[in-house]
Amino acid sequence: MLIKEFRVTLPLTVEEYQVAQLYSVAEASKNETGGGEGIEVLKNEPFTNYPLLSGRYSEGQYTYKIYHLASKVPAFIKMIAPKGSLEIHEEAWNAYPYCRTIITPNRKVITKDITVTIETFHINDRGSSENVHELPQDKLKQREIVHIDISNDTVAPNDYKRDEDPSLFKSKKTNRGPLVGNWIERVDPVMTCYKLVTAEFKWFGLQTRVENIIQRSERRLFTTFHRQVFCWMDNWHGLTMDDIRRIEERTKEELDRQRNTGNVRGMKADTE
């Protein structure tokens, strides 16, 4: 088991991020869909009586998605997946400001030996809170903290887009940005996503390699996604949660259409 806590600081409030994240997930999904592949939303509905984080959060929005992305599936899945099984299942319980996401391969074909659990807490701070996930001492000893700077961290050439570069973007609606230098210590408002990623792979001989690939993939995704969240600010700022639910419903219909037509777009799979 490999545990990393990724801390992504943003020039937003926690309240703003709730809308920003959901909007950006919907938009990014479109870029991953088309040509017979893409994201299938099976469920997007309220949940109750599902205790999260010591029982303090027990209701919110539940989503169940299947990622049909054979051409871009992460390398750790390709290593072990039988032909025709390259799909990823994602369940998420969003009890904002806390969220739990569980990612597995297609369990009809692959056993439960691979599980990625992402627990996220959103807090109005600069990424310095010590144990927001309330980990016991044994887990704290295993946890590695990784700070992500969406503007200054290096991104792969294939991931870079000039219009999604926080060091260049300035919001017309909020006047925030560009993010340069030691911006994390200067911006106001400010909040941090504390994303605790637990990667478990139970095949002897491959465990360490696969778990490291998983964590590396998650860091890449968190960096690219949050660059988009910030640079799409003028698209989502001012939207309400009712607006978001309508966007999600339209997006689901569009994703269903796109999977049957067009060319798949978006990030390429890891090659390692």
Protein backbone atom coordinates (compact mmCIF):
# COMPACT_ATOMS: atom_id res chain seq x y z
CA MET A 1 0.00 0.00 0.00
CA LEU A 2 1.29 3.44 -1.01
CA ILE A 3 -0.25 6.56 0.58
CA LYS A 4 0.32 10.08 -0.69
CA GLU A 5 -1.43 13.30 0.27
CA PHE A 6 -1.47 15.76 -2.60
CA ARG A 7 -2.11 19.35 -1.54
CA VAL A 8 -3.39 21.59 -4.35
CA THR A 9 -3.68 25.26 -3.38
CA LEU A 10 -5.90 27.57 -5.44
CA PRO A 11 -6.86 31.30 -5.39
CA LEU A 12 -10.51 30.45 -4.67
CA THR A 13 -12.83 30.06 -1.72
CA VAL A 14 -14.07 26.62 -0.72
CA GLU A 15 -17.56 27.71 -1.77
CA GLU A 16 -16.35 28.75 -5.23
CA TYR A 17 -14.44 25.53 -5.71
CA GLN A 18 -17.55 23.38 -5.28
CA VAL A 19 -19.01 24.91 -8.45
CA ALA A 20 -15.64 25.18 -10.22
CA GLN A 21 -14.81 21.52 -9.74
CA LEU A 22 -18.15 20.18 -10.93
CA TYR A 23 -18.19 22.47 -13.96
CA SER A 24 -14.64 21.49 -14.89
CA VAL A 25 -15.34 17.76 -14.49
CA ALA A 26 -18.23 18.09 -16.93
CA GLU A 27 -16.15 20.04 -19.45
CA ALA A 28 -13.10 17.78 -19.17
CA SER A 29 -15.31 14.72 -19.71
CA LYS A 30 -16.22 15.98 -23.17
CA ASN A 31 -12.53 16.10 -24.12
CA GLU A 32 -12.17 12.41 -23.27
CA THR A 33 -15.17 11.17 -25.25
CA GLY A 34 -15.82 10.23 -28.87
CA GLY A 35 -14.95 7.59 -31.47
CA GLY A 36 -16.49 4.73 -29.49
CA GLU A 37 -14.68 5.63 -26.28
CA GLY A 38 -15.35 7.97 -23.41
CA ILE A 39 -17.10 8.44 -20.10
CA GLU A 40 -20.45 6.85 -19.32
CA VAL A 41 -22.41 8.33 -16.39
CA LEU A 42 -24.57 5.58 -14.94
CA LYS A 43 -25.74 7.35 -11.78
CA ASN A 44 -25.76 10.94 -10.53
CA GLU A 45 -28.11 11.16 -7.58
CA PRO A 46 -28.35 12.25 -3.93
CA PHE A 47 -27.24 9.81 -1.22
CA THR A 48 -27.97 9.59 2.50
CA ASN A 49 -26.78 7.40 5.38
CA TYR A 50 -23.33 6.70 3.95
CA PRO A 51 -20.94 7.72 6.73
CA LEU A 52 -17.72 9.46 5.65
CA LEU A 53 -14.81 10.74 7.74
CA SER A 54 -15.72 9.42 11.18
CA GLY A 55 -19.42 9.70 10.41
CA ARG A 56 -19.35 13.51 10.17
CA TYR A 57 -20.50 13.51 6.54
CA SER A 58 -23.29 11.15 5.54
CA GLU A 59 -25.24 12.77 2.70
CA GLY A 60 -24.46 14.41 -0.61
CA GLN A 61 -24.26 13.45 -4.30
CA TYR A 62 -23.35 9.96 -5.52
CA THR A 63 -21.95 9.33 -8.98
CA TYR A 64 -21.05 6.10 -10.73
CA LYS A 65 -19.09 6.36 -13.99
CA ILE A 66 -17.41 3.94 -16.37
CA TYR A 67 -14.41 5.16 -18.34
CA HIS A 68 -14.29 3.40 -21.72
CA LEU A 69 -10.80 4.60 -22.64
CA ALA A 70 -8.94 1.63 -24.05
CA SER A 71 -6.52 3.77 -26.10
CA LYS A 72 -5.57 5.87 -23.07
CA VAL A 73 -6.05 3.54 -20.12
CA PRO A 74 -3.27 3.91 -17.50
CA ALA A 75 -0.24 1.73 -18.00
CA PHE A 76 -0.74 -0.16 -14.74
CA ILE A 77 -4.06 -1.49 -16.04
CA LYS A 78 -2.63 -2.45 -19.44
CA MET A 79 0.01 -4.54 -17.69
CA ILE A 80 -2.53 -6.98 -16.31
CA ALA A 81 -5.82 -6.50 -18.10
CA PRO A 82 -7.21 -9.20 -20.38
CA LYS A 83 -8.04 -8.02 -23.89
CA GLY A 84 -11.41 -6.28 -24.05
CA SER A 85 -11.50 -5.41 -20.36
CA LEU A 86 -9.91 -1.97 -20.52
CA GLU A 87 -12.46 0.08 -18.68
CA ILE A 88 -12.29 1.82 -15.32
CA HIS A 89 -15.14 2.08 -12.82
CA GLU A 90 -15.40 5.12 -10.54
CA GLU A 91 -17.75 5.59 -7.61
CA ALA A 92 -17.80 8.92 -5.76
CA TRP A 93 -19.63 10.12 -2.67
CA ASN A 94 -19.45 13.92 -2.68
CA ALA A 95 -20.42 15.25 0.76
CA TYR A 96 -18.73 18.57 0.14
CA PRO A 97 -16.36 19.79 1.56
CA TYR A 98 -15.43 16.11 1.88
CA CYS A 99 -15.46 13.55 -0.92
CA ARG A 100 -14.50 9.89 -1.28
CA THR A 101 -13.77 8.32 -4.67
CA ILE A 102 -13.04 4.64 -5.32
CA ILE A 103 -11.53 3.58 -8.66
CA THR A 104 -11.22 -0.02 -9.85
CA PRO A 105 -10.80 -1.89 -13.14
CA ASN A 106 -13.74 -3.85 -14.54
CA ARG A 107 -14.32 -6.35 -11.76
CA LYS A 108 -16.21 -8.73 -14.04
CA VAL A 109 -12.86 -9.46 -15.69
CA ILE A 110 -10.22 -8.46 -13.14
CA THR A 111 -10.20 -9.34 -9.45
CA LYS A 112 -10.31 -6.82 -6.61
CA ASP A 113 -6.52 -6.77 -6.41
CA ILE A 114 -6.35 -3.15 -7.65
CA THR A 115 -8.05 -0.32 -5.79
CA VAL A 116 -7.36 3.40 -5.76
CA THR A 117 -9.11 5.39 -3.05
CA ILE A 118 -9.07 9.19 -3.16
CA GLU A 119 -10.33 11.09 -0.13
CA THR A 120 -10.48 14.86 -0.55
CA PHE A 121 -11.01 17.58 2.03
CA HIS A 122 -11.36 21.21 0.93
CA ILE A 123 -10.19 23.84 3.42
CA ASN A 124 -9.72 27.62 3.37
CA ASP A 125 -5.96 27.61 4.02
CA ARG A 126 -2.60 27.58 2.21
CA GLY A 127 -1.92 23.86 2.51
CA SER A 128 -0.41 23.74 5.99
CA SER A 129 -3.01 21.76 7.95
CA GLU A 130 -1.39 18.67 9.42
CA ASN A 131 -3.94 15.82 9.52
CA VAL A 132 -7.25 16.84 7.94
CA HIS A 133 -8.09 13.22 7.13
CA GLU A 134 -7.75 12.18 10.78
CA LEU A 135 -5.31 9.37 10.00
CA PRO A 136 -4.12 7.11 12.81
CA GLN A 137 -0.43 7.12 13.65
CA ASP A 138 0.42 4.04 11.57
CA LYS A 139 -1.08 5.62 8.43
CA LEU A 140 0.57 8.98 9.19
CA LYS A 141 3.95 7.23 9.18
CA GLN A 142 3.24 5.84 5.69
CA ARG A 143 1.84 9.09 4.26
CA GLU A 144 3.98 11.22 1.95
CA ILE A 145 2.94 14.86 1.48
CA VAL A 146 3.22 16.29 -2.04
CA HIS A 147 2.51 19.97 -2.66
CA ILE A 148 1.28 20.82 -6.17
CA ASP A 149 1.85 24.33 -7.55
CA ILE A 150 -0.46 24.63 -10.57
CA SER A 151 1.54 27.52 -12.02
CA ASN A 152 5.19 26.70 -11.30
CA ASP A 153 5.26 22.89 -11.47
CA THR A 154 6.46 21.43 -14.75
CA VAL A 155 3.86 19.76 -16.98
CA ALA A 156 4.51 17.34 -19.82
CA PRO A 157 4.64 18.90 -23.30
CA ASN A 158 1.60 16.86 -24.35
CA ASP A 159 -0.38 18.33 -21.44
CA TYR A 160 0.56 21.96 -21.96
CA LYS A 161 -1.97 24.40 -23.43
CA ARG A 162 -1.27 28.11 -23.52
CA ASP A 163 -4.88 29.00 -22.69
CA GLU A 164 -4.68 26.71 -19.62
CA ASP A 165 -1.47 28.24 -18.24
CA PRO A 166 -2.09 29.92 -14.84
CA SER A 167 1.08 32.00 -15.22
CA LEU A 168 -0.54 33.72 -18.22
CA PHE A 169 -4.26 33.73 -17.39
CA LYS A 170 -6.02 36.74 -15.89
CA SER A 171 -9.72 36.51 -15.03
CA LYS A 172 -11.90 39.24 -16.48
CA LYS A 173 -14.65 38.54 -13.95
CA THR A 174 -12.57 38.45 -10.75
CA ASN A 175 -9.28 40.14 -11.75
CA ARG A 176 -7.38 37.13 -10.33
CA GLY A 177 -4.15 36.00 -11.94
CA PRO A 178 -1.76 35.59 -13.47
CA LEU A 179 -0.16 33.32 -10.87
CA VAL A 180 3.55 34.08 -10.78
CA GLY A 181 6.41 33.71 -8.33
CA ASN A 182 5.46 32.79 -4.77
CA TRP A 183 1.78 33.39 -5.48
CA ILE A 184 0.53 30.85 -2.92
CA GLU A 185 1.72 33.06 -0.05
CA ARG A 186 0.17 36.21 -1.53
CA VAL A 187 -3.24 35.38 -3.01
CA ASP A 188 -6.54 36.14 -1.32
CA PRO A 189 -8.89 34.27 -1.32
CA VAL A 190 -7.05 30.98 -0.96
CA MET A 191 -8.03 27.35 -0.35
CA THR A 192 -6.42 23.91 -0.60
CA CYS A 193 -7.63 20.53 -1.82
CA TYR A 194 -6.15 17.84 0.43
CA LYS A 195 -6.29 14.70 -1.73
CA LEU A 196 -5.30 11.53 0.11
CA VAL A 197 -4.56 8.80 -2.45
CA THR A 198 -4.25 5.21 -1.26
CA ALA A 199 -3.04 2.84 -3.98
CA GLU A 200 -3.34 -0.89 -3.36
CA PHE A 201 -2.09 -3.57 -5.74
CA LYS A 202 -1.83 -7.08 -4.34
CA TRP A 203 0.22 -8.92 -6.94
CA PHE A 204 3.59 -9.96 -5.55
CA GLY A 205 6.52 -8.80 -7.65
CA LEU A 206 4.64 -5.94 -9.33
CA GLN A 207 3.20 -4.20 -6.27
CA THR A 208 5.75 -1.41 -5.82
CA ARG A 209 6.06 -0.59 -9.51
CA VAL A 210 2.31 -0.47 -10.14
CA GLU A 211 1.54 1.56 -7.02
CA ASN A 212 4.17 4.13 -8.02
CA ILE A 213 2.70 4.35 -11.53
CA ILE A 214 -0.74 4.95 -10.02
CA GLN A 215 0.52 7.76 -7.79
CA ARG A 216 2.46 9.35 -10.62
CA SER A 217 -0.64 9.26 -12.82
CA GLU A 218 -2.76 10.86 -10.11
CA ARG A 219 -0.29 13.70 -9.62
CA ARG A 220 -0.34 14.41 -13.35
CA LEU A 221 -4.14 14.41 -13.46
CA PHE A 222 -4.48 16.64 -10.38
CA THR A 223 -2.02 19.16 -11.83
CA THR A 224 -3.61 19.35 -15.27
CA PHE A 225 -7.19 19.40 -13.98
CA HIS A 226 -6.59 22.21 -11.49
CA ARG A 227 -4.82 24.30 -14.10
CA GLN A 228 -8.06 24.01 -16.05
CA VAL A 229 -10.19 24.85 -13.00
CA PHE A 230 -8.35 28.13 -12.57
CA CYS A 231 -8.11 29.08 -16.24
CA TRP A 232 -11.80 28.31 -16.86
CA MET A 233 -12.80 30.68 -14.05
CA ASP A 234 -14.67 33.11 -16.29
CA ASN A 235 -16.84 30.23 -17.53
CA TRP A 236 -17.93 28.92 -14.12
CA HIS A 237 -17.77 31.98 -11.87
CA GLY A 238 -21.28 33.08 -10.89
CA LEU A 239 -22.96 29.73 -11.61
CA THR A 240 -25.23 28.20 -8.97
CA MET A 241 -25.54 24.54 -7.97
CA ASP A 242 -28.85 24.44 -9.88
CA ASP A 243 -26.93 25.59 -12.96
CA ILE A 244 -24.37 22.84 -12.37
CA ARG A 245 -27.01 20.09 -12.15
CA ARG A 246 -28.48 21.26 -15.46
CA ILE A 247 -25.00 21.28 -17.04
CA GLU A 248 -24.35 17.77 -15.73
CA GLU A 249 -27.59 16.49 -17.23
CA ARG A 250 -26.82 18.04 -20.62
CA THR A 251 -23.28 16.71 -20.43
CA LYS A 252 -24.51 13.16 -19.77
CA GLU A 253 -26.66 13.32 -22.90
CA GLU A 254 -23.79 14.74 -24.94
CA LEU A 255 -21.34 12.09 -23.70
CA ASP A 256 -23.75 9.33 -24.71
CA ARG A 257 -23.90 10.79 -28.24
CA GLN A 258 -20.16 11.43 -28.51
CA ARG A 259 -19.19 7.88 -27.55
CA ASN A 260 -20.82 6.70 -30.76
CA THR A 261 -19.31 9.33 -33.07
CA GLY A 262 -16.24 11.52 -33.57
CA ASN A 263 -12.66 11.21 -32.46
CA VAL A 264 -11.60 10.81 -28.85
CA ARG A 265 -9.58 13.75 -27.53
CA GLY A 266 -7.71 14.61 -24.35
CA MET A 267 -4.69 13.38 -22.46
CA LYS A 268 -2.63 10.46 -23.70
CA ALA A 269 -2.03 7.45 -21.51
CA ASP A 270 1.14 7.08 -19.50
CA THR A 271 3.66 4.97 -21.36
CA GLU A 272 5.60 3.66 -18.41
